[in-house]
């Protein structure tokens, strides 16, 4: 078996999969694309799983809400699935990110 051909096929399949995920994320918004690319890069082999979980949140909450949650998570720091899911569950995606509130929308004292 030609291992070089196998490696090239796997790499091209991974690239095609990443591009597919980015196209899906683009339908939700630019912040979702940024999070998908960050998840893909940080998890490498597990990136597919985490990206798919993230994109499935749009089925439960809607694309605009997912975009707003990703934007909010990126505003406050590195974004991951659990943080974005928490933002959506708490409804904090409906709040504008500001310097006097935390990730969940609570005011600093």
N, C-alpha and C. Protein backbone atom coordinates (compact mmCIF):
# COMPACT_ATOMS: atom_id res chain seq x y z
N UNK A 1 0.84 -1.19 0.00
CA UNK A 1 0.00 0.00 0.00
C UNK A 1 0.88 1.25 0.00
N UNK A 2 0.47 2.21 -0.74
CA UNK A 2 1.22 3.46 -0.85
C UNK A 2 0.79 4.38 0.30
N UNK A 3 1.63 4.49 1.31
CA UNK A 3 1.27 5.30 2.48
C UNK A 3 1.23 6.78 2.16
N UNK A 4 2.06 7.22 1.23
CA UNK A 4 2.05 8.64 0.89
C UNK A 4 0.70 9.03 0.31
N UNK A 5 0.13 8.21 -0.55
CA UNK A 5 -1.18 8.49 -1.13
C UNK A 5 -2.25 8.53 -0.04
N UNK A 6 -2.17 7.62 0.91
CA UNK A 6 -3.13 7.59 2.01
C UNK A 6 -3.05 8.86 2.85
N UNK A 7 -1.83 9.28 3.17
CA UNK A 7 -1.65 10.50 3.97
C UNK A 7 -2.18 11.71 3.23
N UNK A 8 -1.89 11.82 1.94
CA UNK A 8 -2.38 12.95 1.15
C UNK A 8 -3.90 12.94 1.08
N UNK A 9 -4.50 11.78 0.97
CA UNK A 9 -5.96 11.68 0.91
C UNK A 9 -6.58 12.12 2.23
N UNK A 10 -6.01 11.68 3.34
CA UNK A 10 -6.53 12.06 4.64
C UNK A 10 -6.42 13.57 4.82
N UNK A 11 -5.27 14.14 4.47
CA UNK A 11 -5.09 15.58 4.63
C UNK A 11 -6.05 16.37 3.75
N UNK A 12 -6.26 15.91 2.52
CA UNK A 12 -7.18 16.63 1.65
C UNK A 12 -8.62 16.46 2.12
N UNK A 13 -8.96 15.28 2.67
CA UNK A 13 -10.30 15.09 3.22
C UNK A 13 -10.53 15.98 4.44
N UNK A 14 -9.51 16.11 5.28
CA UNK A 14 -9.63 16.98 6.44
C UNK A 14 -9.79 18.43 6.02
N UNK A 15 -9.05 18.84 5.01
CA UNK A 15 -9.17 20.22 4.51
C UNK A 15 -10.56 20.46 3.93
N UNK A 16 -11.06 19.49 3.18
CA UNK A 16 -12.40 19.63 2.61
C UNK A 16 -13.45 19.69 3.71
N UNK A 17 -13.27 18.91 4.76
CA UNK A 17 -14.20 18.91 5.88
C UNK A 17 -14.16 20.24 6.61
N UNK A 18 -12.96 20.77 6.82
CA UNK A 18 -12.84 22.07 7.48
C UNK A 18 -13.51 23.15 6.65
N UNK A 19 -13.31 23.13 5.34
CA UNK A 19 -13.95 24.12 4.47
C UNK A 19 -15.47 23.99 4.52
N UNK A 20 -15.97 22.76 4.58
CA UNK A 20 -17.42 22.54 4.68
C UNK A 20 -17.96 23.13 5.98
N UNK A 21 -17.25 22.87 7.09
CA UNK A 21 -17.68 23.41 8.38
C UNK A 21 -17.64 24.94 8.37
N UNK A 22 -16.63 25.51 7.75
CA UNK A 22 -16.53 26.97 7.68
C UNK A 22 -17.64 27.57 6.83
N UNK A 23 -18.04 26.88 5.76
CA UNK A 23 -19.17 27.36 4.95
C UNK A 23 -20.46 27.33 5.77
N UNK A 24 -20.65 26.26 6.55
CA UNK A 24 -21.84 26.19 7.41
C UNK A 24 -21.80 27.31 8.45
N UNK A 25 -20.64 27.53 9.03
CA UNK A 25 -20.50 28.57 10.05
C UNK A 25 -20.74 29.95 9.45
N UNK A 26 -20.30 30.16 8.21
CA UNK A 26 -20.46 31.46 7.55
C UNK A 26 -21.94 31.83 7.42
N UNK A 27 -22.80 30.83 7.28
CA UNK A 27 -24.25 31.11 7.21
C UNK A 27 -24.77 31.71 8.50
N UNK A 28 -24.10 31.40 9.62
CA UNK A 28 -24.51 31.96 10.91
C UNK A 28 -23.88 33.33 11.16
N UNK A 29 -22.63 33.51 10.73
CA UNK A 29 -21.97 34.80 10.90
C UNK A 29 -20.48 34.68 11.07
N UNK A 30 -19.82 35.80 11.01
CA UNK A 30 -18.36 35.85 11.06
C UNK A 30 -17.77 35.39 12.39
N UNK A 31 -18.45 35.66 13.49
CA UNK A 31 -17.95 35.23 14.79
C UNK A 31 -18.00 33.72 14.91
N UNK A 32 -19.02 33.10 14.33
CA UNK A 32 -19.12 31.63 14.35
C UNK A 32 -17.96 31.04 13.56
N UNK A 33 -17.62 31.64 12.43
CA UNK A 33 -16.48 31.17 11.63
C UNK A 33 -15.20 31.25 12.46
N UNK A 34 -15.01 32.35 13.17
CA UNK A 34 -13.81 32.52 14.00
C UNK A 34 -13.72 31.45 15.07
N UNK A 35 -14.84 31.12 15.69
CA UNK A 35 -14.83 30.10 16.74
C UNK A 35 -14.58 28.72 16.14
N UNK A 36 -15.19 28.42 14.99
CA UNK A 36 -14.97 27.13 14.33
C UNK A 36 -13.50 26.97 13.98
N UNK A 37 -12.89 28.00 13.43
CA UNK A 37 -11.47 27.91 13.08
C UNK A 37 -10.60 27.76 14.32
N UNK A 38 -10.94 28.44 15.40
CA UNK A 38 -10.17 28.31 16.65
C UNK A 38 -10.32 26.91 17.25
N UNK A 39 -11.56 26.39 17.24
CA UNK A 39 -11.77 25.03 17.75
C UNK A 39 -11.01 24.02 16.92
N UNK A 40 -11.06 24.17 15.62
CA UNK A 40 -10.37 23.24 14.72
C UNK A 40 -8.87 23.25 15.02
N UNK A 41 -8.31 24.44 15.16
CA UNK A 41 -6.87 24.55 15.39
C UNK A 41 -6.46 24.05 16.77
N UNK A 42 -7.28 24.29 17.78
CA UNK A 42 -6.88 23.93 19.13
C UNK A 42 -7.06 22.45 19.43
N UNK A 43 -8.01 21.82 18.79
CA UNK A 43 -8.28 20.42 19.10
C UNK A 43 -7.73 19.45 18.06
N UNK A 44 -7.32 19.95 16.91
CA UNK A 44 -6.80 19.14 15.81
C UNK A 44 -7.68 17.93 15.53
N UNK A 45 -7.41 16.78 16.13
CA UNK A 45 -8.17 15.58 15.81
C UNK A 45 -9.61 15.65 16.30
N UNK A 46 -9.83 16.29 17.42
CA UNK A 46 -11.18 16.39 17.97
C UNK A 46 -11.92 17.61 17.45
N UNK A 47 -11.28 18.40 16.59
CA UNK A 47 -11.89 19.63 16.09
C UNK A 47 -13.21 19.41 15.40
N UNK A 48 -13.31 18.34 14.65
CA UNK A 48 -14.55 18.03 13.94
C UNK A 48 -15.71 17.89 14.92
N UNK A 49 -15.50 17.11 15.95
CA UNK A 49 -16.55 16.87 16.95
C UNK A 49 -17.00 18.18 17.60
N UNK A 50 -16.04 18.99 18.03
CA UNK A 50 -16.38 20.23 18.71
C UNK A 50 -17.05 21.23 17.76
N UNK A 51 -16.60 21.28 16.53
CA UNK A 51 -17.21 22.18 15.55
C UNK A 51 -18.64 21.76 15.24
N UNK A 52 -18.86 20.47 15.10
CA UNK A 52 -20.21 19.98 14.82
C UNK A 52 -21.15 20.26 15.98
N UNK A 53 -20.67 20.07 17.20
CA UNK A 53 -21.49 20.38 18.38
C UNK A 53 -21.86 21.86 18.40
N UNK A 54 -20.89 22.70 18.11
CA UNK A 54 -21.13 24.14 18.09
C UNK A 54 -22.19 24.49 17.05
N UNK A 55 -22.04 23.97 15.84
CA UNK A 55 -22.97 24.31 14.77
C UNK A 55 -24.38 23.76 15.03
N UNK A 56 -24.49 22.66 15.77
CA UNK A 56 -25.81 22.12 16.10
C UNK A 56 -26.58 23.03 17.06
N UNK A 57 -25.87 23.91 17.77
CA UNK A 57 -26.56 24.86 18.64
C UNK A 57 -27.49 25.77 17.83
N UNK A 58 -27.17 26.00 16.56
CA UNK A 58 -28.03 26.83 15.71
C UNK A 58 -29.38 26.17 15.50
N UNK A 59 -29.44 24.83 15.54
CA UNK A 59 -30.72 24.13 15.40
C UNK A 59 -31.61 24.38 16.60
N UNK A 60 -31.03 24.49 17.78
CA UNK A 60 -31.80 24.70 19.00
C UNK A 60 -32.10 26.16 19.28
N UNK A 61 -31.17 27.05 18.94
CA UNK A 61 -31.31 28.45 19.34
C UNK A 61 -31.49 29.43 18.19
N UNK A 62 -31.08 29.14 17.00
CA UNK A 62 -31.14 29.95 15.78
C UNK A 62 -29.75 30.47 15.42
N UNK A 63 -29.59 30.73 14.15
CA UNK A 63 -28.30 31.21 13.64
C UNK A 63 -27.92 32.58 14.20
N UNK A 64 -28.86 33.54 14.21
CA UNK A 64 -28.49 34.86 14.75
C UNK A 64 -28.08 34.81 16.22
N UNK A 65 -28.76 33.97 17.01
CA UNK A 65 -28.39 33.86 18.43
C UNK A 65 -27.03 33.21 18.59
N UNK A 66 -26.74 32.20 17.77
CA UNK A 66 -25.43 31.56 17.83
C UNK A 66 -24.34 32.57 17.45
N UNK A 67 -24.59 33.36 16.43
CA UNK A 67 -23.63 34.40 16.03
C UNK A 67 -23.41 35.38 17.18
N UNK A 68 -24.49 35.81 17.82
CA UNK A 68 -24.37 36.77 18.93
C UNK A 68 -23.61 36.15 20.11
N UNK A 69 -23.87 34.88 20.40
CA UNK A 69 -23.18 34.21 21.51
C UNK A 69 -21.70 34.05 21.20
N UNK A 70 -21.37 33.70 19.97
CA UNK A 70 -19.96 33.58 19.58
C UNK A 70 -19.27 34.94 19.66
N UNK A 71 -19.95 35.97 19.20
CA UNK A 71 -19.39 37.32 19.26
C UNK A 71 -19.11 37.70 20.71
N UNK A 72 -20.07 37.43 21.59
CA UNK A 72 -19.92 37.75 23.01
C UNK A 72 -18.76 36.97 23.62
N UNK A 73 -18.67 35.68 23.30
CA UNK A 73 -17.59 34.86 23.85
C UNK A 73 -16.23 35.35 23.37
N UNK A 74 -16.13 35.71 22.10
CA UNK A 74 -14.87 36.22 21.56
C UNK A 74 -14.50 37.57 22.17
N UNK A 75 -15.50 38.38 22.47
CA UNK A 75 -15.29 39.69 23.08
C UNK A 75 -14.60 39.55 24.44
N UNK A 76 -15.02 38.54 25.22
CA UNK A 76 -14.50 38.38 26.57
C UNK A 76 -13.29 37.46 26.65
N UNK A 77 -12.93 36.79 25.59
CA UNK A 77 -11.75 35.92 25.64
C UNK A 77 -11.91 34.71 24.73
N UNK A 78 -11.09 33.69 24.96
CA UNK A 78 -11.16 32.50 24.11
C UNK A 78 -12.53 31.83 24.21
N UNK A 79 -13.07 31.46 23.09
CA UNK A 79 -14.41 30.87 23.04
C UNK A 79 -14.32 29.36 22.93
N UNK A 80 -15.21 28.68 23.62
CA UNK A 80 -15.33 27.24 23.46
C UNK A 80 -16.80 26.84 23.52
N UNK A 81 -17.06 25.60 23.25
CA UNK A 81 -18.45 25.12 23.17
C UNK A 81 -19.21 25.36 24.47
N UNK A 82 -18.62 25.00 25.60
CA UNK A 82 -19.34 25.12 26.88
C UNK A 82 -19.69 26.58 27.19
N UNK A 83 -18.77 27.47 26.91
CA UNK A 83 -19.02 28.89 27.17
C UNK A 83 -20.16 29.40 26.29
N UNK A 84 -20.12 29.07 25.02
CA UNK A 84 -21.15 29.53 24.10
C UNK A 84 -22.50 28.92 24.43
N UNK A 85 -22.53 27.65 24.78
CA UNK A 85 -23.78 27.01 25.19
C UNK A 85 -24.33 27.70 26.44
N UNK A 86 -23.46 28.02 27.39
CA UNK A 86 -23.89 28.71 28.61
C UNK A 86 -24.45 30.10 28.32
N UNK A 87 -23.83 30.81 27.41
CA UNK A 87 -24.33 32.13 27.02
C UNK A 87 -25.73 32.00 26.44
N UNK A 88 -25.92 31.02 25.58
CA UNK A 88 -27.24 30.81 24.97
C UNK A 88 -28.28 30.39 26.01
N UNK A 89 -27.92 29.50 26.91
CA UNK A 89 -28.86 29.03 27.93
C UNK A 89 -29.29 30.16 28.86
N UNK A 90 -28.37 31.06 29.18
CA UNK A 90 -28.68 32.17 30.08
C UNK A 90 -29.32 33.36 29.35
N UNK A 91 -29.31 33.33 28.02
CA UNK A 91 -29.85 34.44 27.25
C UNK A 91 -28.94 35.64 27.19
N UNK A 92 -27.68 35.47 27.58
CA UNK A 92 -26.74 36.59 27.57
C UNK A 92 -26.38 37.02 26.16
N UNK A 93 -26.69 36.20 25.16
CA UNK A 93 -26.42 36.57 23.77
C UNK A 93 -27.25 37.77 23.34
N UNK A 94 -28.33 38.04 24.06
CA UNK A 94 -29.21 39.16 23.72
C UNK A 94 -28.71 40.48 24.29
N UNK A 95 -27.65 40.42 25.09
CA UNK A 95 -27.07 41.62 25.70
C UNK A 95 -25.85 42.04 24.91
N UNK A 96 -25.66 43.32 24.77
CA UNK A 96 -24.46 43.83 24.09
C UNK A 96 -23.26 43.70 25.03
N UNK A 97 -22.13 43.21 24.54
CA UNK A 97 -20.95 43.14 25.41
C UNK A 97 -20.43 44.53 25.74
N UNK A 98 -20.19 44.76 27.00
CA UNK A 98 -19.67 46.05 27.44
C UNK A 98 -18.54 45.81 28.43
N UNK A 99 -17.80 46.87 28.71
CA UNK A 99 -16.69 46.76 29.65
C UNK A 99 -17.14 46.68 31.10
N UNK A 100 -18.38 47.09 31.39
CA UNK A 100 -18.83 47.07 32.78
C UNK A 100 -19.69 45.85 33.12
N UNK A 101 -19.73 44.85 32.22
CA UNK A 101 -20.44 43.61 32.52
C UNK A 101 -19.51 42.42 32.26
N UNK A 102 -19.84 41.29 32.90
CA UNK A 102 -19.05 40.10 32.65
C UNK A 102 -19.66 39.28 31.52
N UNK A 103 -19.11 38.11 31.28
CA UNK A 103 -19.53 37.25 30.19
C UNK A 103 -21.02 36.93 30.25
N UNK A 104 -21.55 36.77 31.44
CA UNK A 104 -22.95 36.37 31.61
C UNK A 104 -23.90 37.55 31.70
N UNK A 105 -23.39 38.77 31.62
CA UNK A 105 -24.24 39.96 31.63
C UNK A 105 -24.38 40.61 32.99
N UNK A 106 -23.67 40.12 33.99
CA UNK A 106 -23.73 40.71 35.32
C UNK A 106 -22.86 41.95 35.38
N UNK A 107 -23.35 42.99 36.04
CA UNK A 107 -22.60 44.23 36.15
C UNK A 107 -21.49 44.08 37.18
N UNK A 108 -20.34 44.71 36.88
CA UNK A 108 -19.25 44.75 37.86
C UNK A 108 -19.62 45.73 38.95
N UNK A 109 -19.18 45.48 40.13
CA UNK A 109 -19.52 46.38 41.25
C UNK A 109 -18.43 47.35 41.49
